[in-house]
Amino acid sequence: MTVLQNVLTSCYLHPKSGVWEAIFNTPGYRKKEQNALHHAMEIIEFLGLDSVSDELAQSLPHGYQRLIGIAIALSASPRLLLLDEPLAGMNANEVNETLVFINKIRSVGTTVLLVEHNMRAVMKICDRIVVINFGRKIAEGFPQEVKRNKDVIEAYLGVGENAA
C-alpha cells in the first residue's frame, strides 16, 4: 500500500459510518470518507511525508517507514503517543529529523512517552526521564540530573563519558 493508503486505513479504527451507509454510498458516507482523506493528508503533511504520499511504503528508506508508523498512530488522534524505539536503526540525519517531528507532535498538545536507547536523543528531547537497567529503575528526573547519575553513566553513557 502507499503511504496515503496506510494512514487512511488507520483512520477507520473507529468507524463513523454504518454498513448500510457504505453499501448505498449515501451523501453522509461520502462526507465521512472525504473527512477521513482530509485527516490522513493533514497528518502526512504534518510529518513531511506529502512528497512520498503516493509511493509504496515498503519501497521507502527506513527513516520514512518509521515516520509512516508514527503517522498511522497519529491518525487515531491520541492524547498520549507511546513510541517504542522510534530511532532504532536510523542514521544521525534521520534521528535529527525524527526528533524535530516528535517535538512538533508535542507542540500540538500530544503527550509522548518515549522508550529509547539513544541516550543523546533522549537527553535532547525529554522533559523527564526514567532510566531502567535490566528491569530495575536506576534513575528518574530531569535530563541534567539523570545525565550526572553515576549508575546511568555506567550503564548507558559509558564510565567517564559524561558527554551525552
N, C-alpha and C. Protein backbone atom coordinates (compact mmCIF):
# COMPACT_ATOMS: atom_id res chain seq x y z
N MET A 1 0.84 -1.19 0.00
CA MET A 1 0.00 0.00 0.00
C MET A 1 0.88 1.25 0.00
N THR A 2 0.32 2.33 -0.48
CA THR A 2 1.04 3.60 -0.49
C THR A 2 1.04 4.19 0.92
N VAL A 3 1.82 5.24 1.09
CA VAL A 3 1.85 5.95 2.37
C VAL A 3 0.44 6.44 2.70
N LEU A 4 -0.22 7.07 1.75
CA LEU A 4 -1.58 7.58 1.98
C LEU A 4 -2.54 6.45 2.34
N GLN A 5 -2.48 5.34 1.64
CA GLN A 5 -3.37 4.22 1.94
C GLN A 5 -3.14 3.68 3.34
N ASN A 6 -1.88 3.61 3.77
CA ASN A 6 -1.57 3.14 5.13
C ASN A 6 -2.19 4.05 6.18
N VAL A 7 -1.99 5.34 6.01
CA VAL A 7 -2.52 6.28 7.00
C VAL A 7 -4.04 6.34 6.94
N LEU A 8 -4.59 6.32 5.74
CA LEU A 8 -6.04 6.36 5.57
C LEU A 8 -6.70 5.13 6.19
N THR A 9 -6.11 3.98 6.01
CA THR A 9 -6.66 2.75 6.58
C THR A 9 -6.77 2.86 8.09
N SER A 10 -5.77 3.45 8.71
CA SER A 10 -5.81 3.56 10.16
C SER A 10 -6.82 4.59 10.65
N CYS A 11 -7.31 5.44 9.76
CA CYS A 11 -8.37 6.39 10.13
C CYS A 11 -9.69 5.66 10.40
N TYR A 12 -9.77 4.41 10.01
CA TYR A 12 -11.00 3.64 10.18
C TYR A 12 -10.98 2.75 11.42
N LEU A 13 -10.05 2.99 12.33
CA LEU A 13 -10.02 2.22 13.57
C LEU A 13 -11.29 2.44 14.37
N HIS A 14 -11.86 3.61 14.25
CA HIS A 14 -13.12 3.95 14.92
C HIS A 14 -14.11 4.36 13.84
N PRO A 15 -14.75 3.37 13.21
CA PRO A 15 -15.64 3.70 12.08
C PRO A 15 -16.77 4.63 12.49
N LYS A 16 -17.04 5.56 11.61
CA LYS A 16 -18.10 6.54 11.87
C LYS A 16 -19.29 6.31 10.93
N SER A 17 -19.17 5.31 10.09
CA SER A 17 -20.24 5.01 9.14
C SER A 17 -20.76 3.61 9.39
N GLY A 18 -22.02 3.43 9.07
CA GLY A 18 -22.63 2.11 9.16
C GLY A 18 -22.50 1.36 7.85
N VAL A 19 -22.78 0.08 7.90
CA VAL A 19 -22.69 -0.78 6.72
C VAL A 19 -23.64 -0.30 5.63
N TRP A 20 -24.85 0.07 6.02
CA TRP A 20 -25.84 0.49 5.02
C TRP A 20 -25.43 1.79 4.35
N GLU A 21 -24.82 2.68 5.11
CA GLU A 21 -24.34 3.93 4.51
C GLU A 21 -23.30 3.63 3.43
N ALA A 22 -22.42 2.69 3.73
CA ALA A 22 -21.37 2.33 2.77
C ALA A 22 -21.96 1.62 1.55
N ILE A 23 -22.87 0.70 1.79
CA ILE A 23 -23.47 -0.05 0.68
C ILE A 23 -24.20 0.89 -0.28
N PHE A 24 -24.95 1.82 0.28
CA PHE A 24 -25.75 2.73 -0.56
C PHE A 24 -25.02 4.03 -0.89
N ASN A 25 -23.78 4.14 -0.45
CA ASN A 25 -22.95 5.29 -0.77
C ASN A 25 -23.71 6.60 -0.56
N THR A 26 -24.24 6.75 0.64
CA THR A 26 -25.07 7.92 0.95
C THR A 26 -24.23 9.20 0.99
N PRO A 27 -24.88 10.34 0.87
CA PRO A 27 -24.14 11.60 0.98
C PRO A 27 -23.38 11.71 2.31
N GLY A 28 -23.98 11.24 3.38
CA GLY A 28 -23.31 11.26 4.69
C GLY A 28 -22.05 10.41 4.68
N TYR A 29 -22.14 9.25 4.04
CA TYR A 29 -20.99 8.35 3.93
C TYR A 29 -19.88 9.01 3.11
N ARG A 30 -20.24 9.61 1.99
CA ARG A 30 -19.24 10.27 1.15
C ARG A 30 -18.55 11.41 1.90
N LYS A 31 -19.32 12.15 2.71
CA LYS A 31 -18.75 13.24 3.51
C LYS A 31 -17.76 12.68 4.54
N LYS A 32 -18.10 11.58 5.17
CA LYS A 32 -17.20 10.96 6.15
C LYS A 32 -15.93 10.44 5.48
N GLU A 33 -16.08 9.92 4.28
CA GLU A 33 -14.91 9.44 3.52
C GLU A 33 -13.99 10.62 3.18
N GLN A 34 -14.59 11.72 2.78
CA GLN A 34 -13.81 12.92 2.46
C GLN A 34 -13.09 13.44 3.70
N ASN A 35 -13.78 13.41 4.85
CA ASN A 35 -13.16 13.85 6.10
C ASN A 35 -11.98 12.96 6.48
N ALA A 36 -12.12 11.66 6.29
CA ALA A 36 -11.03 10.72 6.59
C ALA A 36 -9.83 10.99 5.70
N LEU A 37 -10.08 11.23 4.42
CA LEU A 37 -9.00 11.53 3.49
C LEU A 37 -8.31 12.84 3.89
N HIS A 38 -9.08 13.83 4.25
CA HIS A 38 -8.53 15.12 4.68
C HIS A 38 -7.67 14.94 5.93
N HIS A 39 -8.16 14.17 6.89
CA HIS A 39 -7.42 13.90 8.14
C HIS A 39 -6.10 13.20 7.84
N ALA A 40 -6.14 12.19 6.98
CA ALA A 40 -4.93 11.45 6.61
C ALA A 40 -3.91 12.38 5.95
N MET A 41 -4.37 13.22 5.05
CA MET A 41 -3.47 14.14 4.36
C MET A 41 -2.88 15.18 5.31
N GLU A 42 -3.66 15.64 6.27
CA GLU A 42 -3.14 16.58 7.27
C GLU A 42 -1.98 15.97 8.04
N ILE A 43 -2.13 14.72 8.44
CA ILE A 43 -1.07 14.03 9.19
C ILE A 43 0.16 13.84 8.31
N ILE A 44 -0.06 13.43 7.07
CA ILE A 44 1.04 13.22 6.14
C ILE A 44 1.82 14.52 5.93
N GLU A 45 1.11 15.61 5.75
CA GLU A 45 1.77 16.91 5.58
C GLU A 45 2.46 17.35 6.86
N PHE A 46 1.84 17.12 8.00
CA PHE A 46 2.41 17.48 9.31
C PHE A 46 3.76 16.81 9.52
N LEU A 47 3.89 15.57 9.06
CA LEU A 47 5.13 14.82 9.23
C LEU A 47 6.06 14.92 8.02
N GLY A 48 5.73 15.78 7.09
CA GLY A 48 6.61 15.99 5.95
C GLY A 48 6.68 14.82 4.98
N LEU A 49 5.61 14.04 4.92
CA LEU A 49 5.57 12.87 4.04
C LEU A 49 4.80 13.13 2.75
N ASP A 50 4.35 14.35 2.54
CA ASP A 50 3.50 14.63 1.38
C ASP A 50 4.20 14.36 0.05
N SER A 51 5.51 14.51 0.01
CA SER A 51 6.22 14.26 -1.25
C SER A 51 6.28 12.78 -1.61
N VAL A 52 6.00 11.91 -0.63
CA VAL A 52 6.04 10.46 -0.89
C VAL A 52 4.69 9.79 -0.63
N SER A 53 3.63 10.58 -0.54
CA SER A 53 2.33 10.02 -0.16
C SER A 53 1.80 8.97 -1.13
N ASP A 54 2.19 9.07 -2.41
CA ASP A 54 1.72 8.10 -3.40
C ASP A 54 2.72 6.97 -3.66
N GLU A 55 3.81 6.95 -2.90
CA GLU A 55 4.82 5.90 -3.06
C GLU A 55 4.43 4.68 -2.22
N LEU A 56 4.87 3.51 -2.67
CA LEU A 56 4.67 2.31 -1.87
C LEU A 56 5.50 2.43 -0.60
N ALA A 57 4.86 2.24 0.54
CA ALA A 57 5.53 2.41 1.82
C ALA A 57 6.74 1.48 1.96
N GLN A 58 6.60 0.26 1.49
CA GLN A 58 7.68 -0.71 1.66
C GLN A 58 8.91 -0.38 0.83
N SER A 59 8.79 0.48 -0.15
CA SER A 59 9.93 0.82 -1.01
C SER A 59 10.71 2.03 -0.49
N LEU A 60 10.24 2.64 0.58
CA LEU A 60 10.88 3.84 1.11
C LEU A 60 11.99 3.49 2.11
N PRO A 61 12.94 4.40 2.30
CA PRO A 61 14.02 4.17 3.27
C PRO A 61 13.47 3.99 4.69
N HIS A 62 14.30 3.41 5.54
CA HIS A 62 13.93 3.07 6.91
C HIS A 62 13.36 4.27 7.68
N GLY A 63 13.99 5.43 7.57
CA GLY A 63 13.51 6.61 8.30
C GLY A 63 12.10 6.99 7.92
N TYR A 64 11.78 6.93 6.64
CA TYR A 64 10.41 7.21 6.18
C TYR A 64 9.44 6.17 6.74
N GLN A 65 9.85 4.91 6.74
CA GLN A 65 8.95 3.87 7.24
C GLN A 65 8.64 4.08 8.72
N ARG A 66 9.63 4.54 9.48
CA ARG A 66 9.37 4.84 10.89
C ARG A 66 8.37 5.99 11.02
N LEU A 67 8.52 7.01 10.18
CA LEU A 67 7.58 8.14 10.22
C LEU A 67 6.18 7.71 9.80
N ILE A 68 6.09 6.77 8.87
CA ILE A 68 4.78 6.25 8.48
C ILE A 68 4.11 5.58 9.67
N GLY A 69 4.88 4.83 10.44
CA GLY A 69 4.33 4.22 11.65
C GLY A 69 3.80 5.25 12.62
N ILE A 70 4.53 6.34 12.78
CA ILE A 70 4.07 7.43 13.65
C ILE A 70 2.82 8.08 13.07
N ALA A 71 2.77 8.25 11.75
CA ALA A 71 1.59 8.83 11.10
C ALA A 71 0.37 7.94 11.33
N ILE A 72 0.55 6.65 11.22
CA ILE A 72 -0.55 5.71 11.45
C ILE A 72 -1.07 5.85 12.87
N ALA A 73 -0.16 5.95 13.83
CA ALA A 73 -0.57 6.12 15.23
C ALA A 73 -1.29 7.45 15.43
N LEU A 74 -0.80 8.50 14.80
CA LEU A 74 -1.42 9.83 14.95
C LEU A 74 -2.82 9.90 14.35
N SER A 75 -3.11 9.04 13.40
CA SER A 75 -4.42 9.10 12.75
C SER A 75 -5.55 8.77 13.73
N ALA A 76 -5.21 8.14 14.84
CA ALA A 76 -6.22 7.85 15.86
C ALA A 76 -6.43 9.04 16.80
N SER A 77 -5.75 10.14 16.54
CA SER A 77 -5.83 11.36 17.36
C SER A 77 -5.59 11.08 18.85
N PRO A 78 -4.46 10.46 19.17
CA PRO A 78 -4.21 10.12 20.57
C PRO A 78 -3.85 11.34 21.40
N ARG A 79 -4.16 11.28 22.69
CA ARG A 79 -3.68 12.30 23.62
C ARG A 79 -2.31 11.90 24.15
N LEU A 80 -2.06 10.57 24.19
CA LEU A 80 -0.79 10.02 24.62
C LEU A 80 -0.28 9.11 23.52
N LEU A 81 0.93 9.36 23.05
CA LEU A 81 1.53 8.56 21.99
C LEU A 81 2.74 7.84 22.56
N LEU A 82 2.71 6.52 22.55
CA LEU A 82 3.82 5.71 23.02
C LEU A 82 4.69 5.35 21.82
N LEU A 83 5.95 5.77 21.86
CA LEU A 83 6.89 5.46 20.79
C LEU A 83 7.95 4.53 21.36
N ASP A 84 7.98 3.31 20.87
CA ASP A 84 8.93 2.30 21.34
C ASP A 84 10.08 2.19 20.35
N GLU A 85 11.24 2.67 20.74
CA GLU A 85 12.45 2.64 19.92
C GLU A 85 12.24 3.25 18.53
N PRO A 86 11.68 4.45 18.44
CA PRO A 86 11.43 5.03 17.12
C PRO A 86 12.71 5.39 16.36
N LEU A 87 13.84 5.47 17.06
CA LEU A 87 15.09 5.88 16.42
C LEU A 87 16.00 4.72 16.07
N ALA A 88 15.57 3.51 16.40
CA ALA A 88 16.41 2.33 16.17
C ALA A 88 16.73 2.17 14.69
N GLY A 89 17.99 1.94 14.39
CA GLY A 89 18.42 1.69 13.02
C GLY A 89 18.54 2.92 12.15
N MET A 90 18.35 4.10 12.72
CA MET A 90 18.42 5.33 11.93
C MET A 90 19.83 5.92 11.94
N ASN A 91 20.17 6.58 10.85
CA ASN A 91 21.43 7.31 10.84
C ASN A 91 21.22 8.65 11.55
N ALA A 92 22.31 9.39 11.77
CA ALA A 92 22.24 10.63 12.54
C ALA A 92 21.28 11.65 11.94
N ASN A 93 21.26 11.76 10.62
CA ASN A 93 20.35 12.70 9.96
C ASN A 93 18.90 12.31 10.18
N GLU A 94 18.58 11.02 10.03
CA GLU A 94 17.21 10.55 10.25
C GLU A 94 16.80 10.75 11.71
N VAL A 95 17.73 10.52 12.65
CA VAL A 95 17.44 10.74 14.07
C VAL A 95 17.06 12.20 14.30
N ASN A 96 17.87 13.11 13.78
CA ASN A 96 17.59 14.53 13.98
C ASN A 96 16.26 14.95 13.37
N GLU A 97 15.95 14.46 12.18
CA GLU A 97 14.67 14.77 11.54
C GLU A 97 13.50 14.23 12.36
N THR A 98 13.65 13.01 12.85
CA THR A 98 12.58 12.40 13.64
C THR A 98 12.37 13.16 14.94
N LEU A 99 13.45 13.61 15.57
CA LEU A 99 13.32 14.40 16.80
C LEU A 99 12.56 15.70 16.54
N VAL A 100 12.77 16.30 15.38
CA VAL A 100 12.02 17.51 15.01
C VAL A 100 10.52 17.19 14.96
N PHE A 101 10.18 16.05 14.35
CA PHE A 101 8.76 15.69 14.24
C PHE A 101 8.17 15.32 15.60
N ILE A 102 8.95 14.67 16.45
CA ILE A 102 8.45 14.36 17.80
C ILE A 102 8.18 15.66 18.55
N ASN A 103 9.05 16.63 18.41
CA ASN A 103 8.80 17.93 19.04
C ASN A 103 7.56 18.61 18.47
N LYS A 104 7.34 18.47 17.16
CA LYS A 104 6.12 19.03 16.54
C LYS A 104 4.88 18.37 17.14
N ILE A 105 4.93 17.06 17.33
CA ILE A 105 3.80 16.33 17.91
C ILE A 105 3.53 16.85 19.32
N ARG A 106 4.57 17.03 20.09
CA ARG A 106 4.42 17.56 21.45
C ARG A 106 3.85 18.98 21.42
N SER A 107 4.26 19.77 20.45
CA SER A 107 3.85 21.18 20.40
C SER A 107 2.36 21.36 20.14
N VAL A 108 1.71 20.34 19.59
CA VAL A 108 0.27 20.44 19.35
C VAL A 108 -0.54 19.81 20.49
N GLY A 109 0.14 19.46 21.59
CA GLY A 109 -0.57 19.01 22.78
C GLY A 109 -0.63 17.51 23.00
N THR A 110 0.02 16.73 22.18
CA THR A 110 0.05 15.28 22.38
C THR A 110 1.22 14.94 23.28
N THR A 111 0.94 14.21 24.35
CA THR A 111 2.00 13.75 25.24
C THR A 111 2.70 12.58 24.57
N VAL A 112 4.02 12.56 24.62
CA VAL A 112 4.80 11.48 24.01
C VAL A 112 5.55 10.75 25.11
N LEU A 113 5.33 9.44 25.19
CA LEU A 113 6.09 8.56 26.08
C LEU A 113 7.07 7.82 25.19
N LEU A 114 8.33 8.07 25.40
CA LEU A 114 9.38 7.58 24.52
C LEU A 114 10.18 6.49 25.23
N VAL A 115 10.27 5.32 24.62
CA VAL A 115 11.14 4.25 25.08
C VAL A 115 12.27 4.21 24.07
N GLU A 116 13.48 4.52 24.52
CA GLU A 116 14.58 4.68 23.56
C GLU A 116 15.92 4.44 24.23
N HIS A 117 16.83 3.81 23.50
CA HIS A 117 18.19 3.57 23.99
C HIS A 117 19.18 4.64 23.54
N ASN A 118 18.81 5.47 22.58
CA ASN A 118 19.69 6.52 22.09
C ASN A 118 19.68 7.64 23.13
N MET A 119 20.64 7.56 24.04
CA MET A 119 20.65 8.50 25.18
C MET A 119 20.88 9.94 24.76
N ARG A 120 21.67 10.15 23.72
CA ARG A 120 21.88 11.52 23.25
C ARG A 120 20.55 12.14 22.82
N ALA A 121 19.77 11.37 22.08
CA ALA A 121 18.46 11.84 21.62
C ALA A 121 17.51 12.04 22.80
N VAL A 122 17.52 11.10 23.73
CA VAL A 122 16.65 11.20 24.90
C VAL A 122 16.96 12.47 25.68
N MET A 123 18.24 12.74 25.86
CA MET A 123 18.64 13.94 26.60
C MET A 123 18.21 15.22 25.88
N LYS A 124 18.17 15.20 24.56
CA LYS A 124 17.79 16.38 23.79
C LYS A 124 16.29 16.67 23.86
N ILE A 125 15.47 15.62 23.91
CA ILE A 125 14.04 15.80 23.64
C ILE A 125 13.14 15.65 24.86
N CYS A 126 13.58 14.94 25.88
CA CYS A 126 12.68 14.60 27.00
C CYS A 126 12.71 15.64 28.11
N ASP A 127 11.54 15.89 28.69
CA ASP A 127 11.43 16.79 29.84
C ASP A 127 11.77 16.05 31.12
N ARG A 128 11.30 14.81 31.21
CA ARG A 128 11.55 13.95 32.38
C ARG A 128 12.00 12.59 31.85
N ILE A 129 12.88 11.95 32.61
CA ILE A 129 13.44 10.68 32.18
C ILE A 129 13.39 9.68 33.33
N VAL A 130 13.00 8.46 33.00
CA VAL A 130 13.11 7.33 33.91
C VAL A 130 14.05 6.35 33.22
N VAL A 131 15.11 5.96 33.94
CA VAL A 131 16.09 5.05 33.37
C VAL A 131 15.94 3.69 34.03
N ILE A 132 15.80 2.67 33.18
CA ILE A 132 15.66 1.30 33.65
C ILE A 132 16.82 0.50 33.10
N ASN A 133 17.45 -0.27 33.96
CA ASN A 133 18.56 -1.12 33.56
C ASN A 133 18.27 -2.54 34.06
N PHE A 134 18.16 -3.47 33.13
CA PHE A 134 17.84 -4.87 33.46
C PHE A 134 16.60 -4.96 34.36
N GLY A 135 15.55 -4.20 33.99
CA GLY A 135 14.27 -4.28 34.69
C GLY A 135 14.20 -3.53 36.00
N ARG A 136 15.25 -2.81 36.35
CA ARG A 136 15.28 -2.08 37.62
C ARG A 136 15.47 -0.60 37.37
N LYS A 137 14.62 0.22 38.00
CA LYS A 137 14.75 1.67 37.85
C LYS A 137 16.01 2.13 38.57
N ILE A 138 16.89 2.80 37.82
CA ILE A 138 18.13 3.27 38.43
C ILE A 138 18.18 4.80 38.55
N ALA A 139 17.28 5.49 37.88
CA ALA A 139 17.26 6.95 37.98
C ALA A 139 15.95 7.49 37.46
N GLU A 140 15.62 8.68 37.96
CA GLU A 140 14.44 9.40 37.48
C GLU A 140 14.65 10.87 37.75
N GLY A 141 14.27 11.70 36.77
CA GLY A 141 14.39 13.13 36.97
C GLY A 141 14.51 13.89 35.68
N PHE A 142 15.00 15.11 35.80
CA PHE A 142 15.22 15.96 34.64
C PHE A 142 16.48 15.50 33.91
N PRO A 143 16.59 15.78 32.61
CA PRO A 143 17.75 15.31 31.85
C PRO A 143 19.10 15.63 32.49
N GLN A 144 19.27 16.85 32.97
CA GLN A 144 20.56 17.21 33.57
C GLN A 144 20.86 16.41 34.84
N GLU A 145 19.82 16.08 35.61
CA GLU A 145 20.01 15.25 36.81
C GLU A 145 20.40 13.83 36.42
N VAL A 146 19.64 13.29 35.49
CA VAL A 146 19.87 11.91 35.06
C VAL A 146 21.24 11.76 34.41
N LYS A 147 21.62 12.76 33.65
CA LYS A 147 22.90 12.74 32.95
C LYS A 147 24.09 12.63 33.91
N ARG A 148 23.93 13.17 35.11
CA ARG A 148 25.01 13.14 36.10
C ARG A 148 24.95 11.94 37.04
N ASN A 149 23.90 11.13 36.93
CA ASN A 149 23.74 9.98 37.82
C ASN A 149 24.79 8.93 37.49
N LYS A 150 25.54 8.50 38.52
CA LYS A 150 26.65 7.56 38.29
C LYS A 150 26.18 6.22 37.75
N ASP A 151 25.01 5.75 38.18
CA ASP A 151 24.50 4.46 37.67
C ASP A 151 24.14 4.56 36.19
N VAL A 152 23.57 5.70 35.79
CA VAL A 152 23.21 5.92 34.39
C VAL A 152 24.48 6.02 33.54
N ILE A 153 25.44 6.76 34.04
CA ILE A 153 26.70 6.90 33.31
C ILE A 153 27.33 5.53 33.07
N GLU A 154 27.36 4.73 34.09
CA GLU A 154 27.96 3.40 33.97
C GLU A 154 27.17 2.50 33.04
N ALA A 155 25.83 2.52 33.14
CA ALA A 155 25.00 1.60 32.36
C ALA A 155 24.82 2.02 30.90
N TYR A 156 24.67 3.33 30.65
CA TYR A 156 24.28 3.76 29.31
C TYR A 156 25.23 4.74 28.64
N LEU A 157 25.87 5.57 29.41
CA LEU A 157 26.69 6.61 28.79
C LEU A 157 28.16 6.23 28.73
N GLY A 158 28.54 5.21 29.45
CA GLY A 158 29.95 4.80 29.46
C GLY A 158 30.69 5.46 30.60
N VAL A 159 31.43 4.68 31.37
CA VAL A 159 32.16 5.20 32.52
C VAL A 159 33.12 6.27 32.04
N GLY A 160 33.05 7.44 32.68
CA GLY A 160 33.94 8.53 32.35
C GLY A 160 33.53 9.33 31.12
N GLU A 161 32.43 8.96 30.49
CA GLU A 161 31.99 9.65 29.28
C GLU A 161 30.68 10.37 29.57
N ASN A 162 30.73 11.42 30.26
CA ASN A 162 29.53 12.19 30.59
C ASN A 162 29.27 13.22 29.49
N ALA A 163 29.22 12.72 28.24
CA ALA A 163 29.15 13.63 27.10
C ALA A 163 27.83 13.63 26.37
N ALA A 164 26.83 12.98 26.88
CA ALA A 164 25.56 12.88 26.14
C ALA A 164 24.89 14.22 26.05
